[in-house]
Amino acid sequence: MNRQFWKGILVVLVIMQGILVASMLAVGRGTPTFVVSVLATVHVVAGMAIIGSMLYFEWDPFEPLR
């Protein structure tokens, strides 16, 4: 996979995180929807961290498969 693909995925994750945070402002704390939003935030941030580190260190995890 090339770097442009991963940059595109990172942009999508940033947009998803923005939408998620905006929706969390409309949901009351302590509700099940808020808990699910927090769990989704953890997953999105983890994905952003992994892809960001792949881009920063120029690591291609699928290189051995080629």
C-alpha atoms as a PDB file:
ATOM      1  CA  MET A   1       0.000   0.000   0.000  1.00  0.00           C
ATOM      2  CA  ASN A   2       1.296   3.436  -0.748  1.00  0.00           C
ATOM      3  CA  ARG A   3       1.531   6.407   1.588  1.00  0.00           C
ATOM      4  CA  GLN A   4      -1.336   8.252  -0.106  1.00  0.00           C
ATOM      5  CA  PHE A   5      -3.723   5.447   0.818  1.00  0.00           C
ATOM      6  CA  TRP A   6      -2.751   5.626   4.492  1.00  0.00           C
ATOM      7  CA  LYS A   7      -2.960   9.418   4.464  1.00  0.00           C
ATOM      8  CA  GLY A   8      -6.485   9.092   3.068  1.00  0.00           C
ATOM      9  CA  ILE A   9      -7.455   6.652   5.796  1.00  0.00           C
ATOM     10  CA  LEU A  10      -6.001   9.030   8.405  1.00  0.00           C
ATOM     11  CA  VAL A  11      -8.082  11.909   7.008  1.00  0.00           C
ATOM     12  CA  VAL A  12     -11.205   9.744   7.177  1.00  0.00           C
ATOM     13  CA  LEU A  13     -10.430   8.875  10.806  1.00  0.00           C
ATOM     14  CA  VAL A  14      -9.955  12.539  11.710  1.00  0.00           C
ATOM     15  CA  ILE A  15     -13.312  13.400  10.120  1.00  0.00           C
ATOM     16  CA  MET A  16     -14.988  10.503  11.949  1.00  0.00           C
ATOM     17  CA  GLN A  17     -13.456  11.661  15.228  1.00  0.00           C
ATOM     18  CA  GLY A  18     -14.759  15.185  14.650  1.00  0.00           C
ATOM     19  CA  ILE A  19     -18.273  13.928  13.979  1.00  0.00           C
ATOM     20  CA  LEU A  20     -18.094  11.670  17.014  1.00  0.00           C
ATOM     21  CA  VAL A  21     -16.974  14.463  19.331  1.00  0.00           C
ATOM     22  CA  ALA A  22     -19.662  16.779  17.957  1.00  0.00           C
ATOM     23  CA  SER A  23     -22.316  14.140  18.595  1.00  0.00           C
ATOM     24  CA  MET A  24     -21.019  13.514  22.113  1.00  0.00           C
ATOM     25  CA  LEU A  25     -21.814  17.127  22.973  1.00  0.00           C
ATOM     26  CA  ALA A  26     -25.507  16.445  22.315  1.00  0.00           C
ATOM     27  CA  VAL A  27     -25.657  13.285  24.430  1.00  0.00           C
ATOM     28  CA  GLY A  28     -25.997  13.372  28.198  1.00  0.00           C
ATOM     29  CA  ARG A  29     -23.271  11.869  30.351  1.00  0.00           C
ATOM     30  CA  GLY A  30     -23.963   8.493  31.900  1.00  0.00           C
ATOM     31  CA  THR A  31     -26.231   7.308  29.104  1.00  0.00           C
ATOM     32  CA  PRO A  32     -25.472   4.133  27.175  1.00  0.00           C
ATOM     33  CA  THR A  33     -25.005   6.182  24.016  1.00  0.00           C
ATOM     34  CA  PHE A  34     -22.286   8.238  25.701  1.00  0.00           C
ATOM     35  CA  VAL A  35     -20.477   5.077  26.825  1.00  0.00           C
ATOM     36  CA  VAL A  36     -20.544   3.672  23.290  1.00  0.00           C
ATOM     37  CA  SER A  37     -19.266   7.018  21.983  1.00  0.00           C
ATOM     38  CA  VAL A  38     -16.333   6.910  24.415  1.00  0.00           C
ATOM     39  CA  LEU A  39     -15.484   3.349  23.371  1.00  0.00           C
ATOM     40  CA  ALA A  40     -15.659   4.341  19.701  1.00  0.00           C
ATOM     41  CA  THR A  41     -13.395   7.311  20.440  1.00  0.00           C
ATOM     42  CA  VAL A  42     -10.808   4.967  21.941  1.00  0.00           C
ATOM     43  CA  HIS A  43     -10.843   2.810  18.807  1.00  0.00           C
ATOM     44  CA  VAL A  44     -10.612   5.753  16.422  1.00  0.00           C
ATOM     45  CA  VAL A  45      -7.755   7.355  18.381  1.00  0.00           C
ATOM     46  CA  ALA A  46      -5.903   4.023  18.444  1.00  0.00           C
ATOM     47  CA  GLY A  47      -6.281   3.755  14.669  1.00  0.00           C
ATOM     48  CA  MET A  48      -5.050   7.309  14.229  1.00  0.00           C
ATOM     49  CA  ALA A  49      -2.015   6.577  16.415  1.00  0.00           C
ATOM     50  CA  ILE A  50      -1.140   3.392  14.525  1.00  0.00           C
ATOM     51  CA  ILE A  51      -1.490   4.941  11.077  1.00  0.00           C
ATOM     52  CA  GLY A  52       0.278   8.101  12.194  1.00  0.00           C
ATOM     53  CA  SER A  53       3.229   6.084  13.461  1.00  0.00           C
ATOM     54  CA  MET A  54       3.301   4.065  10.227  1.00  0.00           C
ATOM     55  CA  LEU A  55       3.509   7.283   8.230  1.00  0.00           C
ATOM     56  CA  TYR A  56       6.043   8.920  10.537  1.00  0.00           C
ATOM     57  CA  PHE A  57       8.443   5.967  10.626  1.00  0.00           C
ATOM     58  CA  GLU A  58       7.773   5.078   6.951  1.00  0.00           C
ATOM     59  CA  TRP A  59       6.898   1.513   7.909  1.00  0.00           C
ATOM     60  CA  ASP A  60       4.968  -0.695   5.509  1.00  0.00           C
ATOM     61  CA  PRO A  61       3.442  -3.600   7.458  1.00  0.00           C
ATOM     62  CA  PHE A  62       2.470  -5.427   4.262  1.00  0.00           C
ATOM     63  CA  GLU A  63       5.941  -5.351   2.691  1.00  0.00           C
ATOM     64  CA  PRO A  64       6.780  -8.979   3.657  1.00  0.00           C
ATOM     65  CA  LEU A  65       3.621 -10.140   1.858  1.00  0.00           C
ATOM     66  CA  ARG A  66       4.742  -8.802  -1.532  1.00  0.00           C
END
